[in-house]
N, C-alpha and C. Protein backbone atom coordinates (compact mmCIF):
# COMPACT_ATOMS: atom_id res chain seq x y z
N MET A 1 83.82 63.70 67.63
CA MET A 1 82.46 63.50 68.02
C MET A 1 81.57 64.63 67.55
N ARG A 2 80.37 64.21 67.25
CA ARG A 2 79.44 65.23 66.81
C ARG A 2 78.70 65.82 68.00
N PRO A 3 78.35 67.08 67.87
CA PRO A 3 77.57 67.70 68.97
C PRO A 3 76.11 67.20 68.93
N ARG A 4 75.56 67.07 70.06
CA ARG A 4 74.16 66.64 70.15
C ARG A 4 73.22 67.75 69.71
N VAL A 5 72.23 67.32 68.94
CA VAL A 5 71.23 68.29 68.48
C VAL A 5 69.95 68.03 69.29
N ALA A 6 69.40 69.04 69.84
CA ALA A 6 68.17 68.92 70.62
C ALA A 6 66.99 68.67 69.68
N LEU A 7 66.26 67.63 69.96
CA LEU A 7 65.09 67.31 69.15
C LEU A 7 63.84 67.90 69.82
N SER A 8 63.46 69.04 69.36
CA SER A 8 62.31 69.71 69.96
C SER A 8 60.99 69.08 69.53
N GLU A 9 60.99 68.29 68.46
CA GLU A 9 59.77 67.69 67.97
C GLU A 9 59.41 66.40 68.72
N ASP A 10 60.24 65.89 69.55
CA ASP A 10 60.05 64.61 70.22
C ASP A 10 59.64 64.81 71.69
N ARG A 11 58.65 65.67 71.90
CA ARG A 11 58.26 65.98 73.27
C ARG A 11 57.18 65.05 73.79
N GLY A 12 56.27 64.50 72.96
CA GLY A 12 55.17 63.66 73.42
C GLY A 12 53.99 64.52 73.88
N GLU A 13 52.96 63.86 74.41
CA GLU A 13 51.78 64.56 74.89
C GLU A 13 51.91 64.83 76.37
N THR A 14 51.27 65.91 76.77
CA THR A 14 51.27 66.22 78.20
C THR A 14 50.12 65.48 78.86
N LEU A 15 50.15 65.39 80.15
CA LEU A 15 49.10 64.73 80.91
C LEU A 15 47.76 65.42 80.69
N LEU A 16 47.76 66.72 80.61
CA LEU A 16 46.53 67.47 80.40
C LEU A 16 45.89 67.12 79.06
N GLU A 17 46.68 66.98 78.02
CA GLU A 17 46.15 66.61 76.71
C GLU A 17 45.53 65.21 76.74
N LEU A 18 46.16 64.28 77.43
CA LEU A 18 45.62 62.93 77.55
C LEU A 18 44.30 62.91 78.33
N VAL A 19 44.21 63.66 79.41
CA VAL A 19 42.99 63.72 80.21
C VAL A 19 41.84 64.30 79.39
N ILE A 20 42.11 65.35 78.64
CA ILE A 20 41.07 65.96 77.81
C ILE A 20 40.61 64.99 76.72
N ALA A 21 41.52 64.27 76.09
CA ALA A 21 41.16 63.30 75.05
C ALA A 21 40.30 62.17 75.64
N ILE A 22 40.67 61.70 76.82
CA ILE A 22 39.90 60.64 77.46
C ILE A 22 38.51 61.13 77.85
N MET A 23 38.41 62.38 78.31
CA MET A 23 37.10 62.94 78.65
C MET A 23 36.21 63.06 77.42
N ILE A 24 36.75 63.49 76.31
CA ILE A 24 35.97 63.62 75.08
C ILE A 24 35.49 62.26 74.61
N LEU A 25 36.37 61.27 74.64
CA LEU A 25 35.97 59.91 74.26
C LEU A 25 34.92 59.35 75.21
N GLY A 26 35.03 59.63 76.49
CA GLY A 26 34.06 59.16 77.48
C GLY A 26 32.67 59.73 77.22
N VAL A 27 32.62 61.03 76.92
CA VAL A 27 31.34 61.66 76.62
C VAL A 27 30.72 61.04 75.38
N CYS A 28 31.51 60.77 74.37
CA CYS A 28 31.01 60.13 73.14
C CYS A 28 30.47 58.74 73.42
N VAL A 29 31.18 57.95 74.21
CA VAL A 29 30.75 56.59 74.52
C VAL A 29 29.44 56.61 75.32
N VAL A 30 29.33 57.51 76.29
CA VAL A 30 28.11 57.61 77.08
C VAL A 30 26.94 58.03 76.19
N GLY A 31 27.14 58.96 75.30
CA GLY A 31 26.07 59.39 74.39
C GLY A 31 25.61 58.28 73.47
N ILE A 32 26.54 57.55 72.91
CA ILE A 32 26.19 56.44 72.01
C ILE A 32 25.47 55.33 72.79
N GLY A 33 25.97 55.01 73.97
CA GLY A 33 25.33 53.98 74.80
C GLY A 33 23.92 54.37 75.21
N SER A 34 23.72 55.63 75.56
CA SER A 34 22.39 56.10 75.94
C SER A 34 21.44 56.04 74.74
N GLY A 35 21.92 56.40 73.58
CA GLY A 35 21.10 56.34 72.38
C GLY A 35 20.67 54.92 72.05
N ILE A 36 21.56 53.97 72.20
CA ILE A 36 21.23 52.57 71.94
C ILE A 36 20.22 52.06 72.96
N ALA A 37 20.42 52.40 74.24
CA ALA A 37 19.48 51.96 75.28
C ALA A 37 18.09 52.55 75.05
N LEU A 38 18.03 53.81 74.65
CA LEU A 38 16.75 54.44 74.38
C LEU A 38 16.05 53.80 73.18
N SER A 39 16.80 53.50 72.14
CA SER A 39 16.19 52.89 70.96
C SER A 39 15.66 51.49 71.28
N VAL A 40 16.34 50.75 72.14
CA VAL A 40 15.85 49.42 72.54
C VAL A 40 14.55 49.56 73.33
N LYS A 41 14.49 50.53 74.25
CA LYS A 41 13.30 50.75 75.06
C LYS A 41 12.11 51.16 74.19
N VAL A 42 12.33 52.11 73.27
CA VAL A 42 11.26 52.58 72.40
C VAL A 42 10.81 51.47 71.46
N SER A 43 11.72 50.63 71.01
CA SER A 43 11.36 49.50 70.16
C SER A 43 10.44 48.53 70.90
N GLY A 44 10.72 48.29 72.17
CA GLY A 44 9.86 47.41 72.99
C GLY A 44 8.48 48.01 73.19
N ILE A 45 8.41 49.32 73.41
CA ILE A 45 7.12 49.98 73.57
C ILE A 45 6.32 49.91 72.27
N HIS A 46 6.99 50.14 71.16
CA HIS A 46 6.30 50.07 69.86
C HIS A 46 5.79 48.66 69.59
N ARG A 47 6.56 47.65 69.93
CA ARG A 47 6.13 46.26 69.76
C ARG A 47 4.89 45.99 70.61
N ASP A 48 4.88 46.48 71.86
CA ASP A 48 3.72 46.29 72.73
C ASP A 48 2.49 47.02 72.19
N GLN A 49 2.70 48.22 71.62
CA GLN A 49 1.57 48.95 71.02
C GLN A 49 0.98 48.17 69.85
N SER A 50 1.83 47.60 69.04
CA SER A 50 1.36 46.80 67.90
C SER A 50 0.61 45.56 68.37
N THR A 51 1.13 44.90 69.40
CA THR A 51 0.47 43.72 69.95
C THR A 51 -0.90 44.07 70.52
N ALA A 52 -0.96 45.17 71.28
CA ALA A 52 -2.22 45.60 71.88
C ALA A 52 -3.23 45.98 70.80
N GLY A 53 -2.78 46.70 69.78
CA GLY A 53 -3.67 47.10 68.70
C GLY A 53 -4.23 45.90 67.96
N ALA A 54 -3.40 44.93 67.67
CA ALA A 54 -3.86 43.73 66.97
C ALA A 54 -4.86 42.95 67.83
N PHE A 55 -4.56 42.83 69.13
CA PHE A 55 -5.48 42.12 70.03
C PHE A 55 -6.83 42.83 70.09
N LEU A 56 -6.82 44.15 70.22
CA LEU A 56 -8.07 44.90 70.32
C LEU A 56 -8.88 44.81 69.02
N HIS A 57 -8.21 44.82 67.89
CA HIS A 57 -8.95 44.70 66.63
C HIS A 57 -9.59 43.31 66.50
N ASN A 58 -8.89 42.28 66.93
CA ASN A 58 -9.47 40.93 66.94
C ASN A 58 -10.66 40.88 67.90
N TYR A 59 -10.49 41.51 69.05
CA TYR A 59 -11.54 41.57 70.06
C TYR A 59 -12.76 42.31 69.50
N GLY A 60 -12.53 43.43 68.82
CA GLY A 60 -13.61 44.21 68.23
C GLY A 60 -14.36 43.43 67.16
N GLU A 61 -13.64 42.67 66.35
CA GLU A 61 -14.29 41.84 65.33
C GLU A 61 -15.15 40.77 65.97
N ALA A 62 -14.68 40.20 67.08
CA ALA A 62 -15.47 39.20 67.79
C ALA A 62 -16.74 39.83 68.38
N LEU A 63 -16.63 41.08 68.84
CA LEU A 63 -17.79 41.77 69.39
C LEU A 63 -18.83 42.07 68.33
N GLN A 64 -18.40 42.32 67.12
CA GLN A 64 -19.34 42.67 66.06
C GLN A 64 -20.03 41.46 65.45
N GLY A 65 -19.69 40.28 65.95
CA GLY A 65 -20.36 39.07 65.47
C GLY A 65 -21.85 39.12 65.82
N ALA A 66 -22.64 38.37 65.10
CA ALA A 66 -24.10 38.43 65.24
C ALA A 66 -24.58 38.06 66.64
N SER A 67 -23.92 37.13 67.31
CA SER A 67 -24.40 36.68 68.61
C SER A 67 -23.69 37.37 69.77
N ALA A 68 -22.85 38.36 69.51
CA ALA A 68 -22.08 38.97 70.58
C ALA A 68 -22.83 40.06 71.33
N TYR A 69 -23.90 40.61 70.75
CA TYR A 69 -24.63 41.70 71.41
C TYR A 69 -25.26 41.20 72.70
N ALA A 70 -25.05 41.94 73.77
CA ALA A 70 -25.62 41.56 75.07
C ALA A 70 -26.52 42.69 75.54
N LYS A 71 -27.81 42.38 75.71
CA LYS A 71 -28.76 43.39 76.16
C LYS A 71 -28.52 43.70 77.63
N CYS A 72 -28.73 44.97 77.96
CA CYS A 72 -28.61 45.35 79.36
C CYS A 72 -29.98 45.24 80.02
N THR A 73 -29.94 45.10 81.31
CA THR A 73 -31.16 45.14 82.11
C THR A 73 -30.97 46.22 83.15
N SER A 74 -32.00 46.58 83.83
CA SER A 74 -31.88 47.65 84.83
C SER A 74 -30.94 47.25 85.97
N SER A 75 -30.73 45.95 86.15
CA SER A 75 -29.89 45.49 87.25
C SER A 75 -28.46 45.16 86.83
N SER A 76 -28.20 45.06 85.51
CA SER A 76 -26.85 44.68 85.11
C SER A 76 -26.46 45.33 83.78
N THR A 77 -25.18 45.53 83.64
CA THR A 77 -24.59 46.03 82.40
C THR A 77 -23.83 44.87 81.77
N PRO A 78 -23.88 44.70 80.45
CA PRO A 78 -23.17 43.59 79.82
C PRO A 78 -21.67 43.62 80.12
N ASN A 79 -21.13 42.46 80.40
CA ASN A 79 -19.71 42.34 80.66
C ASN A 79 -19.07 41.68 79.45
N TYR A 80 -18.64 42.49 78.49
CA TYR A 80 -18.11 41.94 77.25
C TYR A 80 -16.75 41.28 77.44
N VAL A 81 -16.06 41.58 78.52
CA VAL A 81 -14.76 40.95 78.75
C VAL A 81 -14.94 39.49 79.12
N SER A 82 -15.83 39.22 80.06
CA SER A 82 -16.02 37.82 80.47
C SER A 82 -16.90 37.06 79.48
N ASN A 83 -17.79 37.77 78.76
CA ASN A 83 -18.67 37.08 77.79
C ASN A 83 -17.86 36.42 76.68
N LEU A 84 -16.82 37.11 76.21
CA LEU A 84 -16.02 36.56 75.10
C LEU A 84 -14.87 35.69 75.59
N ALA A 85 -14.48 35.84 76.84
CA ALA A 85 -13.42 35.03 77.45
C ALA A 85 -12.14 35.02 76.62
N LEU A 86 -11.73 36.18 76.15
CA LEU A 86 -10.46 36.27 75.40
C LEU A 86 -9.31 36.45 76.37
N VAL A 87 -8.25 35.72 76.16
CA VAL A 87 -7.07 35.78 77.03
C VAL A 87 -6.14 36.87 76.49
N PRO A 88 -5.76 37.83 77.34
CA PRO A 88 -4.88 38.90 76.86
C PRO A 88 -3.49 38.36 76.55
N PRO A 89 -2.74 39.06 75.69
CA PRO A 89 -1.39 38.61 75.39
C PRO A 89 -0.49 38.68 76.63
N SER A 90 0.60 37.98 76.57
CA SER A 90 1.56 37.98 77.67
C SER A 90 2.07 39.39 77.91
N GLY A 91 2.16 39.80 79.17
CA GLY A 91 2.65 41.12 79.52
C GLY A 91 1.58 42.19 79.57
N PHE A 92 0.30 41.79 79.48
CA PHE A 92 -0.80 42.74 79.51
C PHE A 92 -1.79 42.37 80.59
N GLN A 93 -2.47 43.38 81.11
CA GLN A 93 -3.52 43.17 82.10
C GLN A 93 -4.79 42.71 81.40
N THR A 94 -5.78 42.31 82.18
CA THR A 94 -7.07 41.92 81.61
C THR A 94 -7.70 43.15 80.94
N PRO A 95 -8.21 43.00 79.73
CA PRO A 95 -8.81 44.14 79.05
C PRO A 95 -10.08 44.61 79.76
N THR A 96 -10.41 45.88 79.55
CA THR A 96 -11.64 46.42 80.12
C THR A 96 -12.55 46.86 78.98
N ALA A 97 -13.84 46.84 79.24
CA ALA A 97 -14.82 47.28 78.25
C ALA A 97 -15.86 48.14 78.97
N SER A 98 -16.01 49.38 78.50
CA SER A 98 -17.08 50.23 79.05
C SER A 98 -18.12 50.43 77.96
N VAL A 99 -19.38 50.47 78.37
CA VAL A 99 -20.49 50.52 77.43
C VAL A 99 -21.26 51.83 77.62
N ASN A 100 -21.52 52.54 76.52
CA ASN A 100 -22.39 53.70 76.52
C ASN A 100 -23.58 53.37 75.62
N TYR A 101 -24.76 53.85 76.00
CA TYR A 101 -25.98 53.51 75.28
C TYR A 101 -26.49 54.69 74.47
N TRP A 102 -27.18 54.38 73.39
CA TRP A 102 -27.76 55.41 72.53
C TRP A 102 -28.92 56.08 73.25
N ASP A 103 -28.93 57.40 73.20
CA ASP A 103 -30.01 58.18 73.79
C ASP A 103 -30.79 58.80 72.64
N SER A 104 -31.99 58.30 72.39
CA SER A 104 -32.77 58.77 71.24
C SER A 104 -33.26 60.20 71.43
N SER A 105 -33.34 60.69 72.67
CA SER A 105 -33.81 62.06 72.88
C SER A 105 -32.76 63.09 72.44
N THR A 106 -31.49 62.73 72.52
CA THR A 106 -30.42 63.65 72.11
C THR A 106 -29.78 63.22 70.80
N SER A 107 -30.16 62.08 70.30
CA SER A 107 -29.56 61.50 69.09
C SER A 107 -28.04 61.40 69.20
N ALA A 108 -27.60 60.92 70.34
CA ALA A 108 -26.16 60.74 70.59
C ALA A 108 -26.00 59.66 71.66
N PHE A 109 -24.78 59.19 71.78
CA PHE A 109 -24.50 58.24 72.85
C PHE A 109 -24.45 58.99 74.17
N GLY A 110 -25.11 58.41 75.16
CA GLY A 110 -25.13 59.03 76.48
C GLY A 110 -23.78 58.91 77.17
N THR A 111 -23.60 59.71 78.20
CA THR A 111 -22.35 59.68 78.96
C THR A 111 -22.41 58.67 80.09
N SER A 112 -23.60 58.21 80.42
CA SER A 112 -23.75 57.25 81.50
C SER A 112 -23.44 55.85 80.99
N ILE A 113 -22.79 55.07 81.84
CA ILE A 113 -22.54 53.68 81.47
C ILE A 113 -23.58 52.75 82.09
N ASN A 114 -24.60 53.33 82.72
CA ASN A 114 -25.68 52.52 83.29
C ASN A 114 -26.76 52.31 82.24
N CYS A 115 -27.45 51.20 82.35
CA CYS A 115 -28.51 50.88 81.42
C CYS A 115 -29.62 51.93 81.55
N PRO A 116 -30.12 52.44 80.42
CA PRO A 116 -31.17 53.47 80.48
C PRO A 116 -32.43 52.94 81.17
N ALA A 117 -33.16 53.84 81.80
CA ALA A 117 -34.39 53.45 82.51
C ALA A 117 -35.44 52.90 81.55
N ALA A 118 -35.42 53.38 80.30
CA ALA A 118 -36.40 52.92 79.32
C ALA A 118 -36.06 51.55 78.75
N GLY A 119 -34.93 51.00 79.13
CA GLY A 119 -34.51 49.70 78.61
C GLY A 119 -33.42 49.85 77.56
N ASP A 120 -32.94 48.73 77.11
CA ASP A 120 -31.85 48.71 76.13
C ASP A 120 -32.35 49.25 74.78
N PRO A 121 -31.72 50.32 74.27
CA PRO A 121 -32.18 50.88 73.00
C PRO A 121 -31.72 50.10 71.78
N GLY A 122 -30.85 49.12 71.95
CA GLY A 122 -30.40 48.29 70.84
C GLY A 122 -29.16 48.80 70.13
N LEU A 123 -28.52 49.83 70.68
CA LEU A 123 -27.30 50.37 70.08
C LEU A 123 -26.34 50.71 71.21
N GLN A 124 -25.14 50.13 71.15
CA GLN A 124 -24.16 50.33 72.22
C GLN A 124 -22.82 50.74 71.63
N LYS A 125 -22.14 51.64 72.35
CA LYS A 125 -20.77 52.02 72.01
C LYS A 125 -19.88 51.39 73.07
N VAL A 126 -19.06 50.44 72.66
CA VAL A 126 -18.19 49.71 73.58
C VAL A 126 -16.76 50.21 73.39
N THR A 127 -16.16 50.69 74.47
CA THR A 127 -14.78 51.15 74.44
C THR A 127 -13.92 50.07 75.08
N LEU A 128 -13.07 49.46 74.28
CA LEU A 128 -12.17 48.40 74.75
C LEU A 128 -10.83 49.02 75.08
N THR A 129 -10.26 48.67 76.22
CA THR A 129 -8.97 49.21 76.63
C THR A 129 -8.07 48.08 77.09
N LEU A 130 -6.82 48.13 76.65
CA LEU A 130 -5.82 47.13 77.04
C LEU A 130 -4.57 47.87 77.49
N THR A 131 -4.08 47.53 78.68
CA THR A 131 -2.92 48.19 79.27
C THR A 131 -1.84 47.16 79.55
N SER A 132 -0.59 47.54 79.27
CA SER A 132 0.52 46.63 79.55
C SER A 132 0.76 46.56 81.05
N SER A 133 1.38 45.49 81.49
CA SER A 133 1.64 45.30 82.92
C SER A 133 2.56 46.36 83.49
N ASP A 134 3.48 46.87 82.67
CA ASP A 134 4.40 47.91 83.16
C ASP A 134 3.80 49.30 83.06
N GLY A 135 2.63 49.44 82.43
CA GLY A 135 1.95 50.73 82.36
C GLY A 135 2.42 51.67 81.26
N PHE A 136 3.38 51.24 80.44
CA PHE A 136 3.89 52.11 79.39
C PHE A 136 2.95 52.18 78.18
N VAL A 137 2.13 51.16 77.98
CA VAL A 137 1.28 51.10 76.80
C VAL A 137 -0.18 50.97 77.22
N THR A 138 -1.01 51.86 76.70
CA THR A 138 -2.45 51.78 76.87
C THR A 138 -3.08 52.04 75.52
N GLU A 139 -3.78 51.05 75.00
CA GLU A 139 -4.44 51.17 73.70
C GLU A 139 -5.95 51.05 73.91
N SER A 140 -6.71 51.81 73.12
CA SER A 140 -8.17 51.76 73.19
C SER A 140 -8.75 51.61 71.79
N LEU A 141 -9.92 51.01 71.73
CA LEU A 141 -10.64 50.85 70.48
C LEU A 141 -12.12 51.01 70.78
N VAL A 142 -12.80 51.81 69.97
CA VAL A 142 -14.23 52.03 70.14
C VAL A 142 -14.97 51.25 69.06
N VAL A 143 -15.94 50.44 69.49
CA VAL A 143 -16.73 49.61 68.58
C VAL A 143 -18.20 49.93 68.85
N VAL A 144 -18.95 50.18 67.79
CA VAL A 144 -20.39 50.40 67.92
C VAL A 144 -21.08 49.13 67.43
N ILE A 145 -21.89 48.56 68.32
CA ILE A 145 -22.61 47.34 67.97
C ILE A 145 -24.11 47.57 68.16
N ARG A 146 -24.89 46.84 67.39
CA ARG A 146 -26.33 46.97 67.54
C ARG A 146 -26.99 45.61 67.58
N ASP A 147 -28.16 45.63 68.15
CA ASP A 147 -28.93 44.41 68.29
C ASP A 147 -29.50 44.02 66.93
N SER A 148 -29.22 42.82 66.48
CA SER A 148 -29.68 42.40 65.16
C SER A 148 -31.05 41.72 65.22
N SER A 149 -31.59 41.55 66.42
CA SER A 149 -32.89 40.86 66.52
C SER A 149 -34.04 41.83 66.36
């Protein structure tokens, strides 16, 4: 009979080595999963920004039409949102429009959104704002319109 030779190379892995390997793989999987989830979220936000921007540009073009100018009176400010009756895209709140009027004494748009005491000067700066329902996206567009009459 031959004597048995001890095989020192056939020891296998220890429990500690297996635990460390599993921990390293777990950290990698969590990192990759988080990266994918973040990219999906950012992609959705970017899509909403593009949708809001396109809607506001269409809205702005409609405002610049010849019949879209609305004169203010001392008792009311033009409501460009209800005047045009544009329906916001799905997932967005109703757009808002704030109006600033030209102040000829300072040669600039005034900070007040109330109709000037002297009457409508015929030049308005309309700031259109559209916000997503989840609040992650807020887009604004400034349009200057003037009275063509």
